[in-house]
Amino acid sequence: MKSVFIPGATPPAGHYSPALVHGRLAYVSGQLPTVPGQSGHTIGTIEEQTEQCLRNVERVLHAAGSSLDRVIQMTVYIADGDMWGRVNATYAKVMGEHRPARAVVPVKVLHFGYQIEIQAIAAVDS
C-alpha cells in the first residue's frame, strides 16, 4: 500500500492521505472544491464547486498514476438535493462519455460551508 501526495501541494491538515494505492486501485479521499494555491475558501456556484471537486480528484489521480477516464466508482456528497440537476449537468460535462458507477449521498453540512465533496476509486497501472 502506498500513500499518494501531490508534489508541491500543501499536505492535508487532517490525519489522512489524498489517496492510497493498493494493488491496481487508487482510493481518493473526499475532495472539496478548494482551489490549489489559494488560502481562502471561495464558495462559488454549485457548478463551480462541482467542477473544482472533479479537477481536484483528477489532480490526485494523476499523482497516483491514473486519470478521470479510469475512475471505477465515485461518491458524491451534496448538501442540497435540490441542486442535483445542476451538479449532474456539470459532472456530465467534465466526465464526458465516461460513466463510472456512482452514489449520491445527501449530507447536512460540509467543511468550510461547501455544498459538495467527491471521492473516487480508479484503476492504476501497476
Protein backbone atom coordinates (compact mmCIF):
# COMPACT_ATOMS: atom_id res chain seq x y z
CA MET A 1 0.00 0.00 0.00
CA LYS A 2 1.37 3.44 -0.96
CA SER A 3 0.25 6.91 0.20
CA VAL A 4 -0.11 9.46 -2.58
CA PHE A 5 0.72 13.11 -2.07
CA ILE A 6 0.66 15.82 -4.74
CA PRO A 7 4.14 17.23 -5.38
CA GLY A 8 4.32 20.87 -4.28
CA ALA A 9 0.88 20.83 -2.66
CA THR A 10 0.24 21.69 0.95
CA PRO A 11 -0.09 18.46 2.95
CA PRO A 12 -3.58 17.67 4.29
CA ALA A 13 -4.43 19.36 7.59
CA GLY A 14 -6.01 16.16 8.90
CA HIS A 15 -4.67 12.68 9.52
CA TYR A 16 -5.20 11.20 6.04
CA SER A 17 -3.62 10.82 2.61
CA PRO A 18 -5.11 12.41 -0.51
CA ALA A 19 -5.10 8.86 -1.91
CA LEU A 20 -3.85 5.37 -1.26
CA VAL A 21 -2.83 2.97 -4.00
CA HIS A 22 -3.31 -0.68 -3.22
CA GLY A 23 -2.76 -3.23 -5.94
CA ARG A 24 -4.08 -1.70 -9.13
CA LEU A 25 -6.57 0.66 -7.48
CA ALA A 26 -6.30 4.25 -6.25
CA TYR A 27 -8.65 5.24 -3.43
CA VAL A 28 -9.05 9.03 -3.49
CA SER A 29 -10.11 10.78 -0.30
CA GLY A 30 -13.08 13.13 -0.46
CA GLN A 31 -12.14 16.27 -2.35
CA LEU A 32 -13.69 19.62 -1.51
CA PRO A 33 -13.82 22.42 -4.09
CA THR A 34 -10.75 24.18 -2.72
CA VAL A 35 -8.58 25.90 -5.31
CA PRO A 36 -4.94 24.77 -5.22
CA GLY A 37 -2.64 27.61 -4.21
CA GLN A 38 -5.42 29.72 -2.64
CA SER A 39 -5.56 30.08 1.12
CA GLY A 40 -9.17 31.29 1.28
CA HIS A 41 -12.33 29.30 0.81
CA THR A 42 -14.31 30.82 -2.05
CA ILE A 43 -17.68 29.11 -2.23
CA GLY A 44 -18.92 29.93 -5.78
CA THR A 45 -21.89 28.37 -7.54
CA ILE A 46 -22.68 24.68 -7.26
CA GLU A 47 -21.49 24.27 -10.86
CA GLU A 48 -18.12 25.88 -9.99
CA GLN A 49 -17.85 23.77 -6.85
CA THR A 50 -18.66 20.56 -8.74
CA GLU A 51 -16.10 21.23 -11.46
CA GLN A 52 -13.41 22.17 -8.91
CA CYS A 53 -14.07 18.98 -6.90
CA LEU A 54 -13.67 16.91 -10.05
CA ARG A 55 -10.48 18.78 -11.03
CA ASN A 56 -9.13 18.12 -7.52
CA VAL A 57 -9.98 14.41 -7.89
CA GLU A 58 -8.24 14.50 -11.27
CA ARG A 59 -5.14 16.12 -9.75
CA VAL A 60 -4.87 13.42 -7.08
CA LEU A 61 -5.47 10.68 -9.66
CA HIS A 62 -2.62 12.00 -11.82
CA ALA A 63 -0.29 11.90 -8.79
CA ALA A 64 -1.43 8.29 -8.26
CA GLY A 65 -0.80 7.27 -11.88
CA SER A 66 -4.42 7.36 -13.02
CA SER A 67 -6.97 9.71 -14.59
CA LEU A 68 -10.67 10.56 -14.63
CA ASP A 69 -11.31 8.15 -17.51
CA ARG A 70 -10.07 5.29 -15.30
CA VAL A 71 -12.50 6.00 -12.44
CA ILE A 72 -14.48 2.94 -11.46
CA GLN A 73 -16.68 4.47 -8.77
CA MET A 74 -17.42 7.94 -7.37
CA THR A 75 -19.31 9.01 -4.30
CA VAL A 76 -20.80 12.50 -4.38
CA TYR A 77 -21.79 14.13 -1.10
CA ILE A 78 -24.19 17.02 -1.62
CA ALA A 79 -25.63 19.39 0.95
CA ASP A 80 -28.79 20.26 -1.02
CA GLY A 81 -30.56 17.64 -3.09
CA ASP A 82 -32.43 20.36 -4.98
CA MET A 83 -29.11 21.21 -6.69
CA TRP A 84 -28.74 17.70 -8.07
CA GLY A 85 -29.71 18.58 -11.67
CA ARG A 86 -27.06 21.31 -11.81
CA VAL A 87 -24.46 19.02 -10.24
CA ASN A 88 -25.25 16.21 -12.66
CA ALA A 89 -25.03 18.51 -15.71
CA THR A 90 -21.59 19.77 -14.64
CA TYR A 91 -20.46 16.24 -13.76
CA ALA A 92 -21.50 15.03 -17.24
CA LYS A 93 -19.68 17.95 -18.90
CA VAL A 94 -16.42 17.15 -17.08
CA MET A 95 -16.65 13.35 -17.29
CA GLY A 96 -17.72 13.25 -20.95
CA GLU A 97 -18.72 9.80 -22.20
CA HIS A 98 -17.12 8.00 -19.23
CA ARG A 99 -19.82 6.87 -16.77
CA PRO A 100 -18.33 5.30 -13.64
CA ALA A 101 -20.56 3.73 -11.02
CA ARG A 102 -21.77 6.47 -8.71
CA ALA A 103 -23.53 7.05 -5.42
CA VAL A 104 -25.05 10.34 -4.31
CA VAL A 105 -25.26 10.89 -0.58
CA PRO A 106 -27.23 13.81 0.85
CA VAL A 107 -25.50 15.39 3.83
CA LYS A 108 -26.35 18.21 6.15
CA VAL A 109 -23.14 20.24 6.36
CA LEU A 110 -19.73 20.09 4.68
CA HIS A 111 -16.45 21.64 5.80
CA PHE A 112 -15.95 25.40 5.20
CA GLY A 113 -19.57 25.80 4.05
CA TYR A 114 -19.04 23.97 0.77
CA GLN A 115 -22.01 22.21 -0.79
CA ILE A 116 -20.27 19.24 -2.41
CA GLU A 117 -17.46 16.75 -1.83
CA ILE A 118 -16.41 13.91 -4.15
CA GLN A 119 -14.34 10.77 -3.53
CA ALA A 120 -13.30 8.17 -6.10
CA ILE A 121 -11.83 4.75 -6.78
CA ALA A 122 -9.85 4.36 -10.01
CA ALA A 123 -7.69 1.85 -11.82
CA VAL A 124 -3.93 2.48 -11.97
CA ASP A 125 -1.16 0.90 -13.97
CA SER A 126 0.97 -1.46 -11.91
